[in-house]
Amino acid sequence: MKAFIEAPDAARGPFDREQLRDLYHRGEITGGTRIFVDDRWQPYSRVEPGVPRDSNAATKWIWVLTFIATVAATIYAIILSQSDLASRLSWSGPVAFAITLGAIGLAALIYSKRPPVYAQIAALTLSAAGVLGLVGINHLSVQRLEASVGVHTIEHLSSSRLRISGGIGVNLATDLRREIGAMPGAVVIELDSPGGSVDAALEAGEYLRDRGQVTTLVDNECLSACVAVFAGGNPRQMLPGASIGVHQVSANIGLSATVKEAGERYFRWLEARNFSMQLVTAGESTAPDNMAMFKAGANDAALEGIAIVSESGSTLTPAQQGMWLTRKHEEDLGKRMIDAIVASMPDLVEKFGPPLRKAILANDVDSYAATSGELGIAMAQRAMSFDQPDLVGAYLNVSYQPEVCDGAEPRDPQEQLMALLDGAAASSYRMAQRTSDRVWSQFLDRLSKHPLSKRLDGASEDKRECLVGQMMIGALMDTDAKLVPGIYRRMLEDE
């Protein structure tokens, strides 16, 4: 048998059967190579029994279809990563599709012993498109996340204190390992974040748990994924009025889990870290576009196991929380008043702290104004019991305003009160000694003979109250300044 082989330039041959077999085994021809024999052109697989049919045509269509599918999948993934659909779909579909494409490509290479140039180009294009597509999905998803919640920053406040603010970025755990690795011993981490990557937050939280000696403190808001970082601390603390918020996981950046799996892992992590079931259940039933909020001081039952503390880390009672919140709410004079109350007037703390806390956390402006006004009067009266005779005298001189009882505009003794509070702070808010019975009797005698007493007859109840107050101030002004604080202390205690 004499046969010719079809070649790009011209037919080669003639070859006998043994020579054709040798060419086939050397890979110079395939089962699909056309051979001219018996007066016609036909595939070599028909000439030689047992030789498989050439796969070049099939390979060509496999590569073409795979390339088209890859480009379509990449475009789809890019569109998906920039749309709200990303919150409802998971990575399992695109990843499974990418694996399928790889399997098809591998099968095509194996099936075609000598893929032509166009198949090799398609293979390289397919690989590049697949890699760039997956990287692009992740990159654009991260960009979308960062655009919505920002990028985290880690600030060193001291040798043992860090502050994390901004969104929870995908590299938070890596950044924490680097920052905390150089900080031996106990560490406090302040948190103020709107949330971000669930995977990153869970990894960071687990790192903090394993590292140990980490206190996590929410000083403003810690929402969504941030709560997973907060959960890594032991103990966990919040400033009064600070909030944490939970909801269903809306998206997951990374290939480790679907959105559903990430959500289940998130809430199981909170359970394992002993968060209350009230908080966990509320988060599981809250839609991704909403937030179940829990405020320190207003939701004590849901925040069981979380300490409410001051900036120094001292645990605050409900009454102390009220004073802390009021101090934060007030301006300079109010802050000095609260300092004096906390330092020397525990009874006022217990009386006014709880209602002030309730009013501030409920944003009840009217209730706060009424309660803080009563507290201000009680504190100003008590301030005259501080062992500061000259400063108390200056305050009384401005406070003596009998014309106010007739409707005149009162003068503000704020400057004198601030001086009195500063002087009291310098002496650690030392109270004067309670005055003797003799001095007290002399004061009562001056009070009864005060000129304003003649105006009490026929006056209304409100006016009588105003006049009596002014009589007391006037009688104190007629007393030796050194005796005034002791008299005023006895006046308040006997009242």
Protein backbone atom coordinates (compact mmCIF):
# COMPACT_ATOMS: atom_id res chain seq x y z
CA MET A 1 0.00 0.00 0.00
CA LYS A 2 1.34 3.40 -1.00
CA ALA A 3 -0.20 6.49 0.66
CA PHE A 4 0.33 10.26 0.71
CA ILE A 5 -0.12 12.53 3.78
CA GLU A 6 -1.89 15.89 3.44
CA ALA A 7 0.45 18.70 4.54
CA PRO A 8 0.04 22.54 4.61
CA ASP A 9 2.40 23.04 1.67
CA ALA A 10 2.06 19.77 -0.32
CA ALA A 11 1.35 16.09 0.06
CA ARG A 12 4.13 14.01 1.48
CA GLY A 13 4.90 10.46 0.54
CA PRO A 14 4.54 7.90 -0.60
CA PHE A 15 4.57 5.88 2.67
CA ASP A 16 3.79 2.28 3.33
CA ARG A 17 1.68 1.06 6.34
CA GLU A 18 4.72 0.61 8.65
CA GLN A 19 6.03 4.07 7.88
CA LEU A 20 2.60 5.58 8.63
CA ARG A 21 2.48 3.78 11.98
CA ASP A 22 5.94 5.09 12.82
CA LEU A 23 4.87 8.67 11.97
CA TYR A 24 1.76 8.27 14.12
CA HIS A 25 3.68 7.03 17.17
CA ARG A 26 6.20 9.86 16.77
CA GLY A 27 3.23 12.29 16.87
CA GLU A 28 3.79 13.67 13.37
CA ILE A 29 0.30 12.60 12.31
CA THR A 30 -2.92 11.95 14.22
CA GLY A 31 -6.03 9.92 13.73
CA GLY A 32 -7.57 12.88 11.94
CA THR A 33 -4.72 13.44 9.48
CA ARG A 34 -6.00 13.01 5.92
CA ILE A 35 -4.34 10.22 3.94
CA PHE A 36 -4.63 9.72 0.15
CA VAL A 37 -5.06 6.00 -0.37
CA ASP A 38 -7.27 3.83 -2.54
CA ASP A 39 -7.85 6.82 -4.85
CA ARG A 40 -9.44 9.05 -2.15
CA TRP A 41 -8.61 11.21 0.84
CA GLN A 42 -9.73 9.87 4.20
CA PRO A 43 -8.74 10.17 7.92
CA TYR A 44 -5.88 7.98 9.01
CA SER A 45 -8.18 6.42 11.65
CA ARG A 46 -10.13 4.82 8.80
CA VAL A 47 -6.99 3.51 7.17
CA GLU A 48 -5.50 2.01 10.34
CA PRO A 49 -7.89 0.06 12.63
CA GLY A 50 -7.48 0.86 16.35
CA VAL A 51 -6.30 4.44 15.85
CA PRO A 52 -8.70 6.86 17.66
CA ARG A 53 -10.44 9.55 15.73
CA ASP A 54 -8.68 12.96 15.79
CA SER A 55 -10.10 15.42 18.38
CA ASN A 56 -8.98 18.72 16.94
CA ALA A 57 -12.47 19.73 15.85
CA ALA A 58 -14.01 18.77 19.18
CA THR A 59 -11.19 20.50 21.04
CA LYS A 60 -11.74 23.66 19.06
CA TRP A 61 -15.40 23.89 20.08
CA ILE A 62 -14.64 22.96 23.69
CA TRP A 63 -12.16 25.83 23.94
CA VAL A 64 -14.38 28.31 22.11
CA LEU A 65 -17.41 27.54 24.25
CA THR A 66 -15.34 27.54 27.43
CA PHE A 67 -13.81 30.91 26.55
CA ILE A 68 -17.23 32.43 25.84
CA ALA A 69 -18.61 31.04 29.09
CA THR A 70 -15.65 32.39 31.06
CA VAL A 71 -16.00 35.90 29.64
CA ALA A 72 -19.75 35.82 30.32
CA ALA A 73 -19.16 34.60 33.89
CA THR A 74 -16.58 37.33 34.48
CA ILE A 75 -18.90 40.07 33.23
CA TYR A 76 -21.72 38.64 35.33
CA ALA A 77 -19.49 38.55 38.42
CA ILE A 78 -18.42 42.17 37.93
CA ILE A 79 -22.02 43.31 37.58
CA LEU A 80 -23.02 41.20 40.57
CA SER A 81 -20.26 42.62 42.76
CA GLN A 82 -21.58 46.15 42.19
CA SER A 83 -25.27 45.45 42.73
CA ASP A 84 -27.56 44.73 45.65
CA LEU A 85 -27.89 41.16 44.36
CA ALA A 86 -24.57 40.46 46.04
CA SER A 87 -26.37 40.55 49.39
CA ARG A 88 -28.68 37.72 48.31
CA LEU A 89 -26.35 35.44 46.33
CA SER A 90 -23.32 33.55 47.51
CA TRP A 91 -19.93 32.70 46.10
CA SER A 92 -20.79 28.99 45.71
CA GLY A 93 -22.20 29.44 42.19
CA PRO A 94 -19.26 31.39 40.67
CA VAL A 95 -16.70 29.16 42.40
CA ALA A 96 -18.40 25.95 41.22
CA PHE A 97 -18.59 27.40 37.71
CA ALA A 98 -14.87 28.28 37.76
CA ILE A 99 -14.01 24.74 38.86
CA THR A 100 -16.17 23.34 36.03
CA LEU A 101 -14.37 25.54 33.52
CA GLY A 102 -11.03 24.30 34.76
CA ALA A 103 -12.16 20.68 34.47
CA ILE A 104 -13.38 21.25 30.91
CA GLY A 105 -10.09 22.90 29.97
CA LEU A 106 -8.06 20.08 31.50
CA ALA A 107 -10.18 17.47 29.72
CA ALA A 108 -9.70 19.30 26.42
CA LEU A 109 -5.92 19.32 26.83
CA ILE A 110 -5.86 15.63 27.70
CA TYR A 111 -8.24 14.72 24.88
CA SER A 112 -6.18 16.60 22.30
CA LYS A 113 -2.64 15.24 22.22
CA ARG A 114 -1.41 18.08 20.07
CA PRO A 115 -3.75 21.08 20.46
CA PRO A 116 -3.38 23.53 17.59
CA VAL A 117 -2.20 27.11 18.10
CA TYR A 118 -5.73 28.53 18.46
CA ALA A 119 -6.46 26.02 21.23
CA GLN A 120 -3.30 27.01 23.07
CA ILE A 121 -4.17 30.72 22.75
CA ALA A 122 -7.70 29.98 24.01
CA ALA A 123 -6.23 28.07 26.98
CA LEU A 124 -4.02 31.00 27.97
CA THR A 125 -6.88 33.46 27.51
CA LEU A 126 -9.21 31.24 29.51
CA SER A 127 -6.75 30.97 32.39
CA ALA A 128 -6.08 34.71 32.43
CA ALA A 129 -9.77 35.59 32.22
CA GLY A 130 -10.66 33.16 35.01
CA VAL A 131 -7.95 34.43 37.36
CA LEU A 132 -8.64 38.08 36.59
CA GLY A 133 -12.36 37.46 36.94
CA LEU A 134 -12.08 35.92 40.39
CA VAL A 135 -9.60 38.57 41.54
CA GLY A 136 -11.85 41.26 40.07
CA ILE A 137 -14.90 39.92 41.89
CA ASN A 138 -13.10 40.00 45.21
CA HIS A 139 -11.51 43.40 44.57
CA LEU A 140 -14.73 45.06 43.48
CA SER A 141 -16.64 43.46 46.34
CA VAL A 142 -14.08 44.79 48.82
CA GLN A 143 -14.29 48.22 47.18
CA ARG A 144 -18.08 48.14 47.47
CA LEU A 145 -17.82 47.16 51.14
CA GLU A 146 -15.28 49.87 51.88
CA ALA A 147 -17.40 52.46 50.09
CA SER A 148 -20.36 51.65 52.34
CA VAL A 149 -18.63 51.33 55.73
CA GLY A 150 -15.18 52.84 55.23
CA VAL A 151 -11.76 51.37 55.97
CA HIS A 152 -10.59 50.55 59.48
CA THR A 153 -7.84 52.47 61.19
CA ILE A 154 -5.86 51.25 64.21
CA GLU A 155 -4.58 54.00 66.50
CA HIS A 156 -2.13 53.51 69.39
CA LEU A 157 -3.49 55.46 72.37
CA SER A 158 -0.84 54.20 74.79
CA SER A 159 1.54 51.30 75.28
CA SER A 160 -1.40 49.08 76.25
CA ARG A 161 -4.38 50.65 74.50
CA LEU A 162 -5.57 50.62 70.86
CA ARG A 163 -8.53 52.14 69.10
CA ILE A 164 -10.19 50.59 66.03
CA SER A 165 -12.46 52.91 64.08
CA GLY A 166 -14.03 52.91 60.64
CA GLY A 167 -15.20 49.88 58.69
CA ILE A 168 -13.99 46.33 59.36
CA GLY A 169 -11.61 45.76 56.45
CA VAL A 170 -10.58 42.37 55.08
CA ASN A 171 -7.08 42.66 56.59
CA LEU A 172 -8.13 43.51 60.16
CA ALA A 173 -6.89 40.25 61.70
CA THR A 174 -3.50 40.59 60.01
CA ASP A 175 -3.21 44.21 61.13
CA LEU A 176 -4.15 43.30 64.71
CA ARG A 177 -1.54 40.53 64.87
CA ARG A 178 1.10 43.00 63.75
CA GLU A 179 0.02 45.78 66.15
CA ILE A 180 -0.67 43.67 69.26
CA GLY A 181 2.33 41.43 68.70
CA ALA A 182 4.57 44.22 70.00
CA MET A 183 2.35 44.85 73.07
CA PRO A 184 3.06 42.43 75.92
CA GLY A 185 0.60 41.88 78.74
CA ALA A 186 -2.96 43.18 79.02
CA VAL A 187 -4.39 45.26 76.17
CA VAL A 188 -7.51 47.41 75.92
CA ILE A 189 -9.09 47.82 72.47
CA GLU A 190 -11.61 50.62 71.96
CA LEU A 191 -14.16 50.01 69.19
CA ASP A 192 -16.19 52.43 67.10
CA SER A 193 -17.22 50.82 63.80
CA PRO A 194 -20.29 50.55 61.52
CA GLY A 195 -19.34 46.98 60.53
CA GLY A 196 -17.79 45.44 57.44
CA SER A 197 -16.34 42.06 56.47
CA VAL A 198 -17.84 39.22 58.52
CA ASP A 199 -14.97 36.83 57.71
CA ALA A 200 -12.39 39.40 58.81
CA ALA A 201 -14.29 40.26 61.99
CA LEU A 202 -14.67 36.62 63.01
CA GLU A 203 -10.99 35.93 62.36
CA ALA A 204 -10.02 39.00 64.39
CA GLY A 205 -12.37 38.05 67.23
CA GLU A 206 -10.96 34.52 67.40
CA TYR A 207 -7.43 35.91 67.44
CA LEU A 208 -8.27 38.20 70.39
CA ARG A 209 -9.83 35.26 72.25
CA ASP A 210 -6.78 33.06 71.68
CA ARG A 211 -4.36 35.85 72.52
CA GLY A 212 -5.99 36.49 75.92
CA GLN A 213 -5.60 39.47 78.26
CA VAL A 214 -7.65 41.61 75.87
CA THR A 215 -10.40 43.95 77.06
CA THR A 216 -12.74 45.21 74.34
CA LEU A 217 -14.53 48.51 74.99
CA VAL A 218 -17.31 50.10 72.91
CA ASP A 219 -17.09 53.86 73.38
CA ASN A 220 -19.65 54.89 70.76
CA GLU A 221 -21.16 52.39 68.30
CA CYS A 222 -20.13 48.85 67.37
CA LEU A 223 -22.47 47.53 64.69
CA SER A 224 -22.90 44.37 62.63
CA ALA A 225 -19.53 42.66 61.99
CA CYS A 226 -17.87 44.84 64.65
CA VAL A 227 -19.77 42.90 67.35
CA ALA A 228 -17.83 39.77 66.36
CA VAL A 229 -14.59 41.63 67.15
CA PHE A 230 -16.10 42.92 70.40
CA ALA A 231 -16.97 39.33 71.34
CA GLY A 232 -13.30 38.34 71.23
CA GLY A 233 -12.51 40.36 74.36
CA ASN A 234 -12.65 39.19 77.96
CA PRO A 235 -13.86 41.26 79.72
CA ARG A 236 -16.20 43.20 77.45
CA GLN A 237 -17.10 46.75 78.41
CA MET A 238 -19.23 49.65 77.18
CA LEU A 239 -19.38 53.32 78.11
CA PRO A 240 -22.83 54.53 79.26
CA GLY A 241 -24.96 55.33 76.23
CA ALA A 242 -22.71 53.41 73.82
CA SER A 243 -24.52 51.00 71.47
CA ILE A 244 -24.04 47.68 69.76
CA GLY A 245 -26.22 46.58 66.83
CA VAL A 246 -26.85 43.20 65.19
CA HIS A 247 -28.77 41.96 62.16
CA GLN A 248 -28.78 39.20 59.58
CA VAL A 249 -25.58 38.98 57.56
CA SER A 250 -26.15 40.74 54.25
CA ALA A 251 -22.95 39.85 52.36
CA ASN A 252 -19.71 37.94 52.80
CA ILE A 253 -16.43 39.10 51.33
CA GLY A 254 -14.17 36.10 50.77
CA LEU A 255 -14.46 32.53 49.51
CA SER A 256 -14.68 30.76 52.86
CA ALA A 257 -18.46 30.65 53.20
CA THR A 258 -21.78 31.52 51.65
CA VAL A 259 -23.80 34.40 53.09
CA LYS A 260 -26.01 31.92 54.94
CA GLU A 261 -23.03 30.02 56.35
CA ALA A 262 -21.34 33.27 57.39
CA GLY A 263 -24.52 34.37 59.19
CA GLU A 264 -24.81 31.08 61.06
CA ARG A 265 -21.15 31.22 62.06
CA TYR A 266 -21.56 34.84 63.21
CA PHE A 267 -24.46 34.15 65.57
CA ARG A 268 -23.01 30.86 66.85
CA TRP A 269 -19.85 32.80 67.69
CA LEU A 270 -21.87 35.30 69.75
CA GLU A 271 -23.59 32.43 71.55
CA ALA A 272 -20.26 30.74 72.28
CA ARG A 273 -18.99 34.03 73.74
CA ASN A 274 -21.98 34.12 76.14
CA PHE A 275 -23.96 36.96 74.59
CA SER A 276 -27.56 36.92 75.77
CA MET A 277 -30.07 34.92 73.72
CA GLN A 278 -32.26 38.03 73.65
CA LEU A 279 -29.56 39.83 71.65
CA VAL A 280 -28.79 36.83 69.41
CA THR A 281 -32.47 36.14 68.65
CA ALA A 282 -33.09 39.81 67.88
CA GLY A 283 -30.18 39.81 65.43
CA GLU A 284 -31.32 36.63 63.68
CA SER A 285 -34.80 38.07 63.14
CA THR A 286 -33.68 41.53 61.98
CA ALA A 287 -33.45 42.08 58.21
CA PRO A 288 -30.06 43.05 56.71
CA ASP A 289 -31.28 46.57 55.94
CA ASN A 290 -32.29 47.16 59.57
CA MET A 291 -30.48 46.99 62.91
CA ALA A 292 -31.43 45.67 66.35
CA MET A 293 -29.84 48.26 68.66
CA PHE A 294 -28.87 47.77 72.30
CA LYS A 295 -27.75 50.77 74.35
CA ALA A 296 -25.65 50.51 77.50
CA GLY A 297 -27.83 51.64 80.39
CA ALA A 298 -31.13 51.25 78.55
CA ASN A 299 -31.01 47.52 77.72
CA ASP A 300 -29.41 45.97 80.78
CA ALA A 301 -31.04 42.53 80.37
CA ALA A 302 -29.91 42.10 76.74
CA LEU A 303 -26.39 43.26 77.63
CA GLU A 304 -25.99 40.85 80.52
CA GLY A 305 -22.33 40.03 81.10
CA ILE A 306 -21.12 43.31 79.58
CA ALA A 307 -19.79 45.80 82.14
CA ILE A 308 -20.83 49.45 81.89
CA VAL A 309 -17.77 51.46 82.85
CA SER A 310 -16.17 54.89 82.95
CA GLU A 311 -13.21 55.84 80.76
CA SER A 312 -10.86 54.48 83.44
CA GLY A 313 -12.58 51.07 83.36
CA SER A 314 -14.37 51.41 86.71
CA THR A 315 -17.78 49.73 86.78
CA LEU A 316 -20.64 52.22 87.18
CA THR A 317 -23.90 51.69 89.06
CA PRO A 318 -27.11 52.94 87.39
CA ALA A 319 -26.97 56.12 89.52
CA GLN A 320 -23.32 56.70 88.61
CA GLN A 321 -24.15 56.15 84.94
CA GLY A 322 -26.69 58.97 85.19
CA MET A 323 -24.04 61.32 86.56
CA TRP A 324 -21.53 60.21 83.92
CA LEU A 325 -24.02 60.88 81.13
CA THR A 326 -25.05 64.23 82.63
CA ARG A 327 -21.44 65.36 82.87
CA LYS A 328 -20.91 64.47 79.23
CA HIS A 329 -24.10 66.29 78.31
CA GLU A 330 -23.30 69.54 80.13
CA GLU A 331 -20.97 72.48 79.49
CA ASP A 332 -18.16 73.72 81.77
CA LEU A 333 -20.20 74.75 84.83
CA GLY A 334 -22.33 71.61 84.64
CA LYS A 335 -19.22 69.43 84.50
CA ARG A 336 -17.78 71.11 87.61
CA MET A 337 -21.07 70.66 89.41
CA ILE A 338 -21.17 66.94 88.58
CA ASP A 339 -17.55 66.56 89.73
CA ALA A 340 -18.46 68.13 93.07
CA ILE A 341 -21.58 65.98 93.44
CA VAL A 342 -19.75 62.73 92.66
CA ALA A 343 -16.88 63.63 94.97
CA SER A 344 -18.84 64.75 98.04
CA MET A 345 -22.61 64.26 97.69
CA PRO A 346 -23.42 60.55 97.35
CA ASP A 347 -27.03 61.12 98.40
CA LEU A 348 -27.61 63.43 95.42
CA VAL A 349 -25.98 60.84 93.13
CA GLU A 350 -28.43 58.17 94.31
CA LYS A 351 -31.43 60.49 94.16
CA PHE A 352 -30.89 62.14 90.78
CA GLY A 353 -28.66 59.65 88.91
CA PRO A 354 -31.31 57.08 87.84
CA PRO A 355 -33.89 59.61 86.52
CA LEU A 356 -31.17 61.53 84.69
CA ARG A 357 -29.92 58.31 83.05
CA LYS A 358 -33.44 57.42 81.96
CA ALA A 359 -34.12 60.88 80.53
CA ILE A 360 -30.84 61.10 78.59
CA LEU A 361 -31.01 57.60 77.11
CA ALA A 362 -34.65 58.15 76.11
CA ASN A 363 -33.75 61.59 74.69
CA ASP A 364 -36.53 63.07 76.85
CA VAL A 365 -35.54 66.74 76.75
CA ASP A 366 -38.30 68.01 79.03
CA SER A 367 -37.69 65.41 81.73
CA TYR A 368 -33.95 66.03 81.58
CA ALA A 369 -34.38 69.80 81.90
CA ALA A 370 -36.67 69.47 84.92
CA THR A 371 -34.49 66.89 86.72
CA SER A 372 -31.17 68.60 85.99
CA GLY A 373 -32.67 71.91 87.13
CA GLU A 374 -33.64 70.40 90.48
CA LEU A 375 -30.19 68.87 90.77
CA GLY A 376 -28.54 72.22 90.02
CA ILE A 377 -30.49 73.96 92.80
CA ALA A 378 -29.76 71.19 95.31
CA MET A 379 -26.08 71.22 94.39
CA ALA A 380 -25.75 75.03 94.55
CA GLN A 381 -27.31 75.02 98.01
CA ARG A 382 -25.01 72.23 99.12
CA ALA A 383 -22.00 74.07 97.67
CA MET A 384 -22.38 76.74 100.36
CA SER A 385 -21.49 74.04 102.90
CA PHE A 386 -17.98 73.74 101.44
CA ASP A 387 -15.30 75.11 103.77
CA GLN A 388 -14.66 78.17 101.58
CA PRO A 389 -15.98 81.20 103.63
CA ASP A 390 -14.77 84.00 101.34
CA LEU A 391 -16.03 82.29 98.17
CA VAL A 392 -19.35 81.43 99.82
CA GLY A 393 -19.71 85.08 100.83
CA ALA A 394 -19.11 86.26 97.25
CA TYR A 395 -21.72 83.80 95.99
CA LEU A 396 -24.27 85.04 98.60
CA ASN A 397 -23.71 88.69 97.66
CA VAL A 398 -24.77 88.00 94.07
CA SER A 399 -27.54 85.59 95.07
CA TYR A 400 -29.26 88.11 97.36
CA GLN A 401 -31.88 89.50 94.95
CA PRO A 402 -35.15 90.38 96.80
CA GLU A 403 -36.44 92.13 93.69
CA VAL A 404 -36.73 88.74 92.00
CA CYS A 405 -39.69 87.99 94.28
CA ASP A 406 -41.48 90.95 92.64
CA GLY A 407 -40.86 89.67 89.13
CA ALA A 408 -37.50 91.30 88.30
CA GLU A 409 -35.02 89.52 86.01
CA PRO A 410 -32.53 87.59 88.22
CA ARG A 411 -28.78 88.13 87.99
CA ASP A 412 -26.74 85.00 87.20
CA PRO A 413 -24.21 84.12 89.94
CA GLN A 414 -22.48 81.62 87.62
CA GLU A 415 -19.02 83.23 87.86
CA GLN A 416 -19.09 83.16 91.66
CA LEU A 417 -20.38 79.59 91.72
CA MET A 418 -17.60 78.45 89.40
CA ALA A 419 -15.03 80.08 91.69
CA LEU A 420 -16.63 78.35 94.67
CA LEU A 421 -16.48 74.96 92.93
CA ASP A 422 -12.85 75.48 91.90
CA GLY A 423 -11.92 76.39 95.47
CA ALA A 424 -13.79 73.36 96.79
CA ALA A 425 -12.03 71.08 94.31
CA ALA A 426 -8.65 72.43 95.44
CA SER A 427 -9.48 71.35 99.00
CA SER A 428 -10.93 68.01 97.85
CA TYR A 429 -14.48 69.25 98.42
CA ARG A 430 -14.00 69.51 102.19
CA MET A 431 -17.24 70.32 104.02
CA ALA A 432 -17.36 72.81 106.91
CA GLN A 433 -18.00 71.59 110.42
CA ARG A 434 -21.62 71.74 111.52
CA THR A 435 -22.14 74.93 113.56
CA SER A 436 -22.78 74.98 117.32
CA ASP A 437 -26.21 75.45 118.92
CA ARG A 438 -25.23 78.93 120.11
CA VAL A 439 -24.26 80.19 116.65
CA TRP A 440 -27.31 78.51 115.19
CA SER A 441 -29.62 80.29 117.66
CA GLN A 442 -28.03 83.65 116.84
CA PHE A 443 -28.62 82.99 113.12
CA LEU A 444 -32.28 82.11 113.70
CA ASP A 445 -32.72 85.33 115.68
CA ARG A 446 -31.27 87.40 112.81
CA LEU A 447 -33.48 85.52 110.37
CA SER A 448 -36.66 86.30 112.33
CA LYS A 449 -35.79 90.02 112.49
CA HIS A 450 -34.85 90.37 108.82
CA PRO A 451 -36.66 93.29 107.12
CA LEU A 452 -38.15 91.04 104.44
CA SER A 453 -40.19 89.20 107.10
CA LYS A 454 -42.62 92.12 107.13
CA ARG A 455 -43.61 91.30 103.53
CA LEU A 456 -44.70 87.75 104.28
CA ASP A 457 -48.19 88.67 105.46
CA GLY A 458 -50.71 88.43 102.63
CA ALA A 459 -48.12 87.17 100.10
CA SER A 460 -48.90 84.24 97.80
CA GLU A 461 -47.36 80.86 98.51
CA ASP A 462 -44.80 81.18 95.72
CA LYS A 463 -43.84 84.69 96.81
CA ARG A 464 -43.55 83.63 100.47
CA GLU A 465 -41.17 80.83 99.41
CA CYS A 466 -39.08 83.29 97.41
CA LEU A 467 -38.97 85.80 100.30
CA VAL A 468 -37.98 83.17 102.86
CA GLY A 469 -35.09 82.10 100.65
CA GLN A 470 -33.92 85.68 100.31
CA MET A 471 -34.28 86.19 104.07
CA MET A 472 -31.95 83.25 104.68
CA ILE A 473 -29.38 84.63 102.29
CA GLY A 474 -29.64 88.09 103.88
CA ALA A 475 -29.29 86.70 107.40
CA LEU A 476 -26.19 84.75 106.33
CA MET A 477 -24.69 87.91 104.81
CA ASP A 478 -25.03 89.61 108.23
CA THR A 479 -23.07 86.75 109.84
CA ASP A 480 -19.30 86.39 110.23
CA ALA A 481 -18.11 84.84 106.94
CA LYS A 482 -16.16 82.13 108.76
CA LEU A 483 -19.38 80.85 110.31
CA VAL A 484 -21.52 80.83 107.16
CA PRO A 485 -20.55 77.39 105.71
CA GLY A 486 -21.18 75.65 109.05
CA ILE A 487 -24.55 77.39 109.46
CA TYR A 488 -25.59 76.48 105.93
CA ARG A 489 -24.61 72.87 106.45
CA ARG A 490 -26.79 72.68 109.56
CA MET A 491 -29.59 74.47 107.74
CA LEU A 492 -29.64 71.84 104.99
CA GLU A 493 -29.30 68.88 107.36
CA ASP A 494 -32.03 70.08 109.72
CA GLU A 495 -34.32 70.79 106.78
